[in-house]
């Protein structure tokens, strides 16, 4: 018995989806801003940047949903500019969390150039034949930068949340590349050149909910980073950075068990440093 997918019977209410997703993004932004105000929150600046970016997503989705009811400069140009700036904010927050520099010049130039191209094609020339290509260009650089930052951090610290962030950014990049390839094959960069069917609906859905998925992943990432800081504080000496007594004993037990299991010898060297207190005092 076979299963068939008839995409003609599938209805995707884009306006309602934009409004509901925008409201959810704004609520998550407020949630992140409130979380940043918690006392002694180690990632407060990153949470604030992410929270304000979520609010921008909420405004952008509202502008998208009002297309046809408001001026095209607001619904198309400003909406997509806010969408790109919000993703730049995501990348900046990730860079700060990973203690890495953010390439403001590269991202800023690409987003500005693509925004100008969007204004010229949609408003000045009043044509939609370049819409797909311009919309891909306006966001692809922030996405790639964020993906590369997550990939570099994954090699240093293999946290599940970092892998999840890599997958999320890779998904939106893949959707954009696929849309561009479909436009090239059809010979038109307007929306009429995009394919229809379940694949197209899936790609649109991924782009729509990507800010929500990324926000959940970022919050989990912040929690894991905070747990790692707490674990390091509990296991190391604050002054010297070396393992404290509890950690040394736990590590010694692990090494001793490994030596017994493999039938290997184990040596322990102890140093007694005279007058080390003067070193600590200085």
C-alpha atoms as a PDB file:
ATOM      1  CA  UNK A   1       0.000   0.000   0.000  1.00  0.00           C
ATOM      2  CA  UNK A   2       1.648   3.240  -1.123  1.00  0.00           C
ATOM      3  CA  UNK A   3       1.356   6.718   0.363  1.00  0.00           C
ATOM      4  CA  UNK A   4       0.970   9.671  -1.980  1.00  0.00           C
ATOM      5  CA  UNK A   5       1.472  13.359  -1.214  1.00  0.00           C
ATOM      6  CA  UNK A   6      -0.894  15.675  -3.032  1.00  0.00           C
ATOM      7  CA  UNK A   7       0.509  19.165  -2.432  1.00  0.00           C
ATOM      8  CA  UNK A   8      -2.515  20.706  -4.125  1.00  0.00           C
ATOM      9  CA  UNK A   9      -4.562  19.890  -1.030  1.00  0.00           C
ATOM     10  CA  UNK A  10      -2.018  21.389   1.355  1.00  0.00           C
ATOM     11  CA  UNK A  11      -2.722  24.985   2.336  1.00  0.00           C
ATOM     12  CA  UNK A  12      -0.068  27.104   4.029  1.00  0.00           C
ATOM     13  CA  UNK A  13      -1.453  30.304   5.535  1.00  0.00           C
ATOM     14  CA  UNK A  14       1.669  32.440   5.362  1.00  0.00           C
ATOM     15  CA  UNK A  15       0.160  35.576   6.907  1.00  0.00           C
ATOM     16  CA  UNK A  16      -1.119  33.790  10.006  1.00  0.00           C
ATOM     17  CA  UNK A  17       2.164  31.926  10.318  1.00  0.00           C
ATOM     18  CA  UNK A  18       4.136  35.173  10.120  1.00  0.00           C
ATOM     19  CA  UNK A  19       2.009  36.875  12.760  1.00  0.00           C
ATOM     20  CA  UNK A  20       2.114  33.948  15.189  1.00  0.00           C
ATOM     21  CA  UNK A  21       5.841  33.339  14.695  1.00  0.00           C
ATOM     22  CA  UNK A  22       6.575  37.050  15.063  1.00  0.00           C
ATOM     23  CA  UNK A  23       4.629  37.186  18.306  1.00  0.00           C
ATOM     24  CA  UNK A  24       6.472  34.112  19.589  1.00  0.00           C
ATOM     25  CA  UNK A  25       9.844  35.624  18.614  1.00  0.00           C
ATOM     26  CA  UNK A  26       8.995  38.851  20.433  1.00  0.00           C
ATOM     27  CA  UNK A  27       7.899  36.929  23.543  1.00  0.00           C
ATOM     28  CA  UNK A  28      11.135  34.937  23.508  1.00  0.00           C
ATOM     29  CA  UNK A  29      13.045  38.197  23.136  1.00  0.00           C
ATOM     30  CA  UNK A  30      11.361  39.604  26.229  1.00  0.00           C
ATOM     31  CA  UNK A  31      12.122  36.344  28.023  1.00  0.00           C
ATOM     32  CA  UNK A  32      15.821  36.621  27.113  1.00  0.00           C
ATOM     33  CA  UNK A  33      15.914  40.259  28.258  1.00  0.00           C
ATOM     34  CA  UNK A  34      14.372  39.317  31.587  1.00  0.00           C
ATOM     35  CA  UNK A  35      16.842  36.442  31.957  1.00  0.00           C
ATOM     36  CA  UNK A  36      19.713  38.878  31.394  1.00  0.00           C
ATOM     37  CA  UNK A  37      18.616  40.853  34.461  1.00  0.00           C
ATOM     38  CA  UNK A  38      19.091  37.909  36.811  1.00  0.00           C
ATOM     39  CA  UNK A  39      21.680  38.742  39.431  1.00  0.00           C
ATOM     40  CA  UNK A  40      25.188  37.437  38.700  1.00  0.00           C
ATOM     41  CA  UNK A  41      24.141  36.179  35.244  1.00  0.00           C
ATOM     42  CA  UNK A  42      27.517  35.524  33.507  1.00  0.00           C
ATOM     43  CA  UNK A  43      26.101  35.862  29.965  1.00  0.00           C
ATOM     44  CA  UNK A  44      23.916  38.929  30.529  1.00  0.00           C
ATOM     45  CA  UNK A  45      25.322  41.007  27.594  1.00  0.00           C
ATOM     46  CA  UNK A  46      24.899  38.104  25.177  1.00  0.00           C
ATOM     47  CA  UNK A  47      21.335  37.471  26.356  1.00  0.00           C
ATOM     48  CA  UNK A  48      20.487  41.163  25.889  1.00  0.00           C
ATOM     49  CA  UNK A  49      21.855  41.211  22.351  1.00  0.00           C
ATOM     50  CA  UNK A  50      19.916  38.074  21.501  1.00  0.00           C
ATOM     51  CA  UNK A  51      16.760  39.401  23.137  1.00  0.00           C
ATOM     52  CA  UNK A  52      16.794  42.663  21.175  1.00  0.00           C
ATOM     53  CA  UNK A  53      17.442  40.665  18.001  1.00  0.00           C
ATOM     54  CA  UNK A  54      14.338  38.559  18.705  1.00  0.00           C
ATOM     55  CA  UNK A  55      12.317  41.752  19.054  1.00  0.00           C
ATOM     56  CA  UNK A  56      13.582  42.822  15.623  1.00  0.00           C
ATOM     57  CA  UNK A  57      12.401  39.492  14.228  1.00  0.00           C
ATOM     58  CA  UNK A  58       8.964  40.172  15.707  1.00  0.00           C
ATOM     59  CA  UNK A  59       8.773  43.565  13.978  1.00  0.00           C
ATOM     60  CA  UNK A  60      10.084  42.115  10.696  1.00  0.00           C
ATOM     61  CA  UNK A  61       7.459  39.358  10.665  1.00  0.00           C
ATOM     62  CA  UNK A  62       4.690  41.875  11.323  1.00  0.00           C
ATOM     63  CA  UNK A  63       5.911  43.957   8.368  1.00  0.00           C
ATOM     64  CA  UNK A  64       6.058  40.843   6.178  1.00  0.00           C
ATOM     65  CA  UNK A  65       2.501  39.903   7.101  1.00  0.00           C
ATOM     66  CA  UNK A  66       1.256  43.389   6.186  1.00  0.00           C
ATOM     67  CA  UNK A  67       2.556  43.194   2.611  1.00  0.00           C
ATOM     68  CA  UNK A  68      -0.094  44.609   0.321  1.00  0.00           C
ATOM     69  CA  UNK A  69      -1.607  46.695   3.099  1.00  0.00           C
ATOM     70  CA  UNK A  70       1.357  49.017   3.730  1.00  0.00           C
ATOM     71  CA  UNK A  71       3.988  50.634   1.563  1.00  0.00           C
ATOM     72  CA  UNK A  72       6.414  48.244  -0.156  1.00  0.00           C
ATOM     73  CA  UNK A  73       9.352  50.132   1.348  1.00  0.00           C
ATOM     74  CA  UNK A  74       8.182  49.061   4.794  1.00  0.00           C
ATOM     75  CA  UNK A  75       6.934  45.549   4.083  1.00  0.00           C
ATOM     76  CA  UNK A  76       9.664  44.399   1.706  1.00  0.00           C
ATOM     77  CA  UNK A  77      12.752  46.576   2.196  1.00  0.00           C
ATOM     78  CA  UNK A  78      12.589  47.509   5.878  1.00  0.00           C
ATOM     79  CA  UNK A  79      11.239  44.090   6.857  1.00  0.00           C
ATOM     80  CA  UNK A  80      14.105  42.221   5.207  1.00  0.00           C
ATOM     81  CA  UNK A  81      16.694  44.701   6.507  1.00  0.00           C
ATOM     82  CA  UNK A  82      15.440  44.130  10.066  1.00  0.00           C
ATOM     83  CA  UNK A  83      15.490  40.385   9.378  1.00  0.00           C
ATOM     84  CA  UNK A  84      19.156  40.556   8.312  1.00  0.00           C
ATOM     85  CA  UNK A  85      20.162  42.878  11.183  1.00  0.00           C
ATOM     86  CA  UNK A  86      18.520  40.505  13.662  1.00  0.00           C
ATOM     87  CA  UNK A  87      20.614  37.626  12.326  1.00  0.00           C
ATOM     88  CA  UNK A  88      23.690  39.840  12.636  1.00  0.00           C
ATOM     89  CA  UNK A  89      22.727  40.299  16.288  1.00  0.00           C
ATOM     90  CA  UNK A  90      22.529  36.517  16.677  1.00  0.00           C
ATOM     91  CA  UNK A  91      26.011  36.161  15.236  1.00  0.00           C
ATOM     92  CA  UNK A  92      27.391  38.908  17.463  1.00  0.00           C
ATOM     93  CA  UNK A  93      25.929  37.263  20.574  1.00  0.00           C
ATOM     94  CA  UNK A  94      27.438  33.921  19.566  1.00  0.00           C
ATOM     95  CA  UNK A  95      30.835  35.510  18.949  1.00  0.00           C
ATOM     96  CA  UNK A  96      30.783  37.174  22.387  1.00  0.00           C
ATOM     97  CA  UNK A  97      29.746  33.936  24.053  1.00  0.00           C
ATOM     98  CA  UNK A  98      32.618  32.054  22.374  1.00  0.00           C
ATOM     99  CA  UNK A  99      35.054  34.920  23.101  1.00  0.00           C
ATOM    100  CA  UNK A 100      35.739  35.364  19.385  1.00  0.00           C
ATOM    101  CA  UNK A 101      35.873  38.556  17.284  1.00  0.00           C
ATOM    102  CA  UNK A 102      32.907  39.300  15.078  1.00  0.00           C
ATOM    103  CA  UNK A 103      33.646  40.505  11.511  1.00  0.00           C
ATOM    104  CA  UNK A 104      31.473  43.622  11.626  1.00  0.00           C
ATOM    105  CA  UNK A 105      33.073  45.082   8.488  1.00  0.00           C
ATOM    106  CA  UNK A 106      32.439  42.044   6.270  1.00  0.00           C
ATOM    107  CA  UNK A 107      28.910  41.450   7.520  1.00  0.00           C
ATOM    108  CA  UNK A 108      28.032  45.160   7.532  1.00  0.00           C
ATOM    109  CA  UNK A 109      29.220  45.754   3.971  1.00  0.00           C
ATOM    110  CA  UNK A 110      27.394  42.689   2.624  1.00  0.00           C
ATOM    111  CA  UNK A 111      24.097  43.506   4.372  1.00  0.00           C
ATOM    112  CA  UNK A 112      24.275  47.195   3.383  1.00  0.00           C
ATOM    113  CA  UNK A 113      25.058  46.420  -0.259  1.00  0.00           C
ATOM    114  CA  UNK A 114      22.276  43.836  -0.471  1.00  0.00           C
ATOM    115  CA  UNK A 115      19.819  46.229   1.226  1.00  0.00           C
ATOM    116  CA  UNK A 116      20.608  48.933  -1.327  1.00  0.00           C
ATOM    117  CA  UNK A 117      20.192  46.397  -4.132  1.00  0.00           C
ATOM    118  CA  UNK A 118      16.826  45.392  -2.669  1.00  0.00           C
ATOM    119  CA  UNK A 119      15.682  49.024  -2.543  1.00  0.00           C
ATOM    120  CA  UNK A 120      16.826  49.707  -6.102  1.00  0.00           C
ATOM    121  CA  UNK A 121      15.242  46.606  -7.625  1.00  0.00           C
ATOM    122  CA  UNK A 122      11.955  46.665  -5.685  1.00  0.00           C
ATOM    123  CA  UNK A 123      11.345  50.425  -5.381  1.00  0.00           C
ATOM    124  CA  UNK A 124      13.406  52.356  -7.945  1.00  0.00           C
ATOM    125  CA  UNK A 125      13.227  49.921 -10.860  1.00  0.00           C
ATOM    126  CA  UNK A 126      10.017  48.320  -9.513  1.00  0.00           C
ATOM    127  CA  UNK A 127      10.846  44.796 -10.639  1.00  0.00           C
ATOM    128  CA  UNK A 128      10.688  41.442  -8.840  1.00  0.00           C
ATOM    129  CA  UNK A 129      12.898  39.542 -11.259  1.00  0.00           C
ATOM    130  CA  UNK A 130      15.895  39.732  -8.861  1.00  0.00           C
ATOM    131  CA  UNK A 131      13.992  39.218  -5.603  1.00  0.00           C
ATOM    132  CA  UNK A 132      15.156  35.675  -4.784  1.00  0.00           C
ATOM    133  CA  UNK A 133      18.830  36.405  -5.409  1.00  0.00           C
ATOM    134  CA  UNK A 134      18.835  39.678  -3.445  1.00  0.00           C
ATOM    135  CA  UNK A 135      17.013  38.171  -0.477  1.00  0.00           C
ATOM    136  CA  UNK A 136      19.512  35.309  -0.347  1.00  0.00           C
ATOM    137  CA  UNK A 137      22.483  37.693  -0.481  1.00  0.00           C
ATOM    138  CA  UNK A 138      21.109  39.897   2.305  1.00  0.00           C
ATOM    139  CA  UNK A 139      21.210  37.038   4.828  1.00  0.00           C
ATOM    140  CA  UNK A 140      23.703  34.451   3.569  1.00  0.00           C
ATOM    141  CA  UNK A 141      26.824  36.167   4.944  1.00  0.00           C
ATOM    142  CA  UNK A 142      25.526  36.505   8.552  1.00  0.00           C
ATOM    143  CA  UNK A 143      24.424  32.867   8.416  1.00  0.00           C
ATOM    144  CA  UNK A 144      27.783  31.624   7.122  1.00  0.00           C
ATOM    145  CA  UNK A 145      29.719  33.662   9.698  1.00  0.00           C
ATOM    146  CA  UNK A 146      27.616  32.242  12.540  1.00  0.00           C
ATOM    147  CA  UNK A 147      27.968  28.705  11.183  1.00  0.00           C
ATOM    148  CA  UNK A 148      31.763  29.030  10.994  1.00  0.00           C
ATOM    149  CA  UNK A 149      31.913  30.365  14.553  1.00  0.00           C
ATOM    150  CA  UNK A 150      29.910  27.384  15.826  1.00  0.00           C
ATOM    151  CA  UNK A 151      32.082  24.982  13.821  1.00  0.00           C
ATOM    152  CA  UNK A 152      35.313  26.412  15.249  1.00  0.00           C
ATOM    153  CA  UNK A 153      33.952  26.261  18.791  1.00  0.00           C
ATOM    154  CA  UNK A 154      32.754  22.681  18.217  1.00  0.00           C
ATOM    155  CA  UNK A 155      36.341  21.609  17.610  1.00  0.00           C
ATOM    156  CA  UNK A 156      37.357  23.156  20.940  1.00  0.00           C
ATOM    157  CA  UNK A 157      34.337  22.213  23.050  1.00  0.00           C
ATOM    158  CA  UNK A 158      32.005  19.459  21.818  1.00  0.00           C
ATOM    159  CA  UNK A 159      28.780  20.502  23.501  1.00  0.00           C
ATOM    160  CA  UNK A 160      25.468  19.139  22.133  1.00  0.00           C
ATOM    161  CA  UNK A 161      24.022  22.649  21.942  1.00  0.00           C
ATOM    162  CA  UNK A 162      26.898  23.801  19.714  1.00  0.00           C
ATOM    163  CA  UNK A 163      26.184  20.946  17.288  1.00  0.00           C
ATOM    164  CA  UNK A 164      22.487  21.873  17.336  1.00  0.00           C
ATOM    165  CA  UNK A 165      23.359  25.479  16.438  1.00  0.00           C
ATOM    166  CA  UNK A 166      25.555  24.236  13.581  1.00  0.00           C
ATOM    167  CA  UNK A 167      22.679  22.134  12.254  1.00  0.00           C
ATOM    168  CA  UNK A 168      20.210  25.036  12.473  1.00  0.00           C
ATOM    169  CA  UNK A 169      22.484  27.437  10.584  1.00  0.00           C
ATOM    170  CA  UNK A 170      23.420  24.755   8.042  1.00  0.00           C
ATOM    171  CA  UNK A 171      19.711  24.162   7.390  1.00  0.00           C
ATOM    172  CA  UNK A 172      18.918  27.799   6.567  1.00  0.00           C
ATOM    173  CA  UNK A 173      22.052  28.064   4.414  1.00  0.00           C
ATOM    174  CA  UNK A 174      21.032  24.915   2.529  1.00  0.00           C
ATOM    175  CA  UNK A 175      17.528  26.283   1.950  1.00  0.00           C
ATOM    176  CA  UNK A 176      18.933  29.535   0.543  1.00  0.00           C
ATOM    177  CA  UNK A 177      21.426  27.753  -1.709  1.00  0.00           C
ATOM    178  CA  UNK A 178      18.680  25.423  -2.954  1.00  0.00           C
ATOM    179  CA  UNK A 179      16.407  28.352  -3.753  1.00  0.00           C
ATOM    180  CA  UNK A 180      19.188  30.089  -5.649  1.00  0.00           C
ATOM    181  CA  UNK A 181      19.973  26.918  -7.597  1.00  0.00           C
ATOM    182  CA  UNK A 182      16.296  26.465  -8.474  1.00  0.00           C
ATOM    183  CA  UNK A 183      16.142  30.055  -9.730  1.00  0.00           C
ATOM    184  CA  UNK A 184      19.239  29.568 -11.870  1.00  0.00           C
ATOM    185  CA  UNK A 185      17.786  26.392 -13.389  1.00  0.00           C
ATOM    186  CA  UNK A 186      14.447  28.061 -14.124  1.00  0.00           C
ATOM    187  CA  UNK A 187      16.166  31.137 -15.563  1.00  0.00           C
ATOM    188  CA  UNK A 188      14.290  33.559 -13.300  1.00  0.00           C
ATOM    189  CA  UNK A 189      15.234  35.025  -9.910  1.00  0.00           C
ATOM    190  CA  UNK A 190      11.690  36.118  -9.215  1.00  0.00           C
ATOM    191  CA  UNK A 191       9.349  34.140  -6.989  1.00  0.00           C
ATOM    192  CA  UNK A 192       7.811  32.619 -10.095  1.00  0.00           C
ATOM    193  CA  UNK A 193      11.086  30.755 -10.627  1.00  0.00           C
ATOM    194  CA  UNK A 194      10.820  28.917  -7.329  1.00  0.00           C
ATOM    195  CA  UNK A 195       9.428  25.387  -7.343  1.00  0.00           C
ATOM    196  CA  UNK A 196       6.172  24.498  -5.624  1.00  0.00           C
ATOM    197  CA  UNK A 197       5.277  21.449  -3.627  1.00  0.00           C
ATOM    198  CA  UNK A 198       6.257  19.926  -0.271  1.00  0.00           C
ATOM    199  CA  UNK A 199       9.956  20.722  -0.688  1.00  0.00           C
ATOM    200  CA  UNK A 200       9.283  24.422  -1.123  1.00  0.00           C
ATOM    201  CA  UNK A 201       6.853  24.455   1.814  1.00  0.00           C
ATOM    202  CA  UNK A 202       9.431  22.703   3.994  1.00  0.00           C
ATOM    203  CA  UNK A 203      12.097  25.264   3.070  1.00  0.00           C
ATOM    204  CA  UNK A 204       9.741  28.153   3.816  1.00  0.00           C
ATOM    205  CA  UNK A 205       8.841  26.575   7.148  1.00  0.00           C
ATOM    206  CA  UNK A 206      12.526  26.175   8.086  1.00  0.00           C
ATOM    207  CA  UNK A 207      13.232  29.834   7.308  1.00  0.00           C
ATOM    208  CA  UNK A 208      10.124  30.861   9.238  1.00  0.00           C
ATOM    209  CA  UNK A 209      10.863  29.041  12.500  1.00  0.00           C
ATOM    210  CA  UNK A 210      14.675  29.242  12.381  1.00  0.00           C
ATOM    211  CA  UNK A 211      14.848  32.230  14.812  1.00  0.00           C
ATOM    212  CA  UNK A 212      12.756  30.275  17.339  1.00  0.00           C
ATOM    213  CA  UNK A 213      14.905  27.142  17.073  1.00  0.00           C
ATOM    214  CA  UNK A 214      18.107  29.178  17.284  1.00  0.00           C
ATOM    215  CA  UNK A 215      16.832  31.022  20.368  1.00  0.00           C
ATOM    216  CA  UNK A 216      16.131  27.751  22.167  1.00  0.00           C
ATOM    217  CA  UNK A 217      19.562  26.453  21.155  1.00  0.00           C
ATOM    218  CA  UNK A 218      21.290  29.623  22.312  1.00  0.00           C
ATOM    219  CA  UNK A 219      19.575  29.550  25.695  1.00  0.00           C
ATOM    220  CA  UNK A 220      20.662  25.928  26.193  1.00  0.00           C
ATOM    221  CA  UNK A 221      24.158  26.890  25.080  1.00  0.00           C
ATOM    222  CA  UNK A 222      24.300  29.674  27.677  1.00  0.00           C
ATOM    223  CA  UNK A 223      23.149  27.221  30.342  1.00  0.00           C
ATOM    224  CA  UNK A 224      25.849  24.729  29.355  1.00  0.00           C
ATOM    225  CA  UNK A 225      28.486  27.446  29.365  1.00  0.00           C
ATOM    226  CA  UNK A 226      27.371  28.553  32.832  1.00  0.00           C
ATOM    227  CA  UNK A 227      27.506  24.964  34.084  1.00  0.00           C
ATOM    228  CA  UNK A 228      31.025  24.645  32.704  1.00  0.00           C
ATOM    229  CA  UNK A 229      32.098  27.807  34.560  1.00  0.00           C
ATOM    230  CA  UNK A 230      30.562  26.508  37.779  1.00  0.00           C
ATOM    231  CA  UNK A 231      32.241  23.130  37.280  1.00  0.00           C
ATOM    232  CA  UNK A 232      35.607  24.806  36.727  1.00  0.00           C
ATOM    233  CA  UNK A 233      35.180  26.981  39.822  1.00  0.00           C
ATOM    234  CA  UNK A 234      34.312  23.912  41.897  1.00  0.00           C
ATOM    235  CA  UNK A 235      37.255  21.841  40.639  1.00  0.00           C
ATOM    236  CA  UNK A 236      40.114  24.361  40.465  1.00  0.00           C
ATOM    237  CA  UNK A 237      41.908  26.744  42.790  1.00  0.00           C
ATOM    238  CA  UNK A 238      40.872  30.327  42.101  1.00  0.00           C
ATOM    239  CA  UNK A 239      44.393  31.702  42.641  1.00  0.00           C
ATOM    240  CA  UNK A 240      46.570  29.240  40.731  1.00  0.00           C
ATOM    241  CA  UNK A 241      44.064  27.623  38.384  1.00  0.00           C
ATOM    242  CA  UNK A 242      45.268  24.104  39.239  1.00  0.00           C
ATOM    243  CA  UNK A 243      43.047  21.265  40.475  1.00  0.00           C
ATOM    244  CA  UNK A 244      41.932  21.536  44.089  1.00  0.00           C
ATOM    245  CA  UNK A 245      42.131  18.742  46.667  1.00  0.00           C
ATOM    246  CA  UNK A 246      38.777  17.186  45.793  1.00  0.00           C
ATOM    247  CA  UNK A 247      39.550  17.127  42.072  1.00  0.00           C
ATOM    248  CA  UNK A 248      43.036  15.705  42.654  1.00  0.00           C
ATOM    249  CA  UNK A 249      41.632  12.853  44.734  1.00  0.00           C
ATOM    250  CA  UNK A 250      38.909  12.133  42.155  1.00  0.00           C
ATOM    251  CA  UNK A 251      41.429  12.170  39.306  1.00  0.00           C
ATOM    252  CA  UNK A 252      43.788   9.931  41.323  1.00  0.00           C
ATOM    253  CA  UNK A 253      41.014   7.399  41.857  1.00  0.00           C
ATOM    254  CA  UNK A 254      40.240   7.355  38.113  1.00  0.00           C
ATOM    255  CA  UNK A 255      43.901   6.923  37.191  1.00  0.00           C
ATOM    256  CA  UNK A 256      44.349   4.179  39.815  1.00  0.00           C
ATOM    257  CA  UNK A 257      41.292   2.302  38.556  1.00  0.00           C
ATOM    258  CA  UNK A 258      42.569   2.554  34.968  1.00  0.00           C
ATOM    259  CA  UNK A 259      46.015   1.273  35.990  1.00  0.00           C
ATOM    260  CA  UNK A 260      44.495  -1.699  37.819  1.00  0.00           C
ATOM    261  CA  UNK A 261      42.154  -2.510  34.941  1.00  0.00           C
ATOM    262  CA  UNK A 262      45.000  -2.586  32.383  1.00  0.00           C
ATOM    263  CA  UNK A 263      47.637  -4.030  34.734  1.00  0.00           C
ATOM    264  CA  UNK A 264      49.883  -0.974  34.498  1.00  0.00           C
ATOM    265  CA  UNK A 265      52.109   0.660  37.069  1.00  0.00           C
ATOM    266  CA  UNK A 266      51.221   4.065  38.494  1.00  0.00           C
ATOM    267  CA  UNK A 267      53.528   6.666  40.022  1.00  0.00           C
ATOM    268  CA  UNK A 268      52.672   9.675  42.156  1.00  0.00           C
ATOM    269  CA  UNK A 269      55.076  12.569  42.712  1.00  0.00           C
ATOM    270  CA  UNK A 270      54.520  15.006  45.588  1.00  0.00           C
ATOM    271  CA  UNK A 271      56.341  18.334  45.953  1.00  0.00           C
ATOM    272  CA  UNK A 272      56.642  20.214  49.222  1.00  0.00           C
ATOM    273  CA  UNK A 273      57.542  23.820  48.412  1.00  0.00           C
ATOM    274  CA  UNK A 274      58.979  25.806  51.318  1.00  0.00           C
ATOM    275  CA  UNK A 275      57.861  29.384  51.924  1.00  0.00           C
ATOM    276  CA  UNK A 276      55.335  29.234  49.055  1.00  0.00           C
ATOM    277  CA  UNK A 277      53.043  31.531  51.025  1.00  0.00           C
ATOM    278  CA  UNK A 278      55.212  34.487  50.033  1.00  0.00           C
ATOM    279  CA  UNK A 279      54.564  33.646  46.380  1.00  0.00           C
ATOM    280  CA  UNK A 280      50.811  33.634  47.028  1.00  0.00           C
ATOM    281  CA  UNK A 281      51.026  36.928  48.907  1.00  0.00           C
ATOM    282  CA  UNK A 282      52.667  38.594  45.926  1.00  0.00           C
END
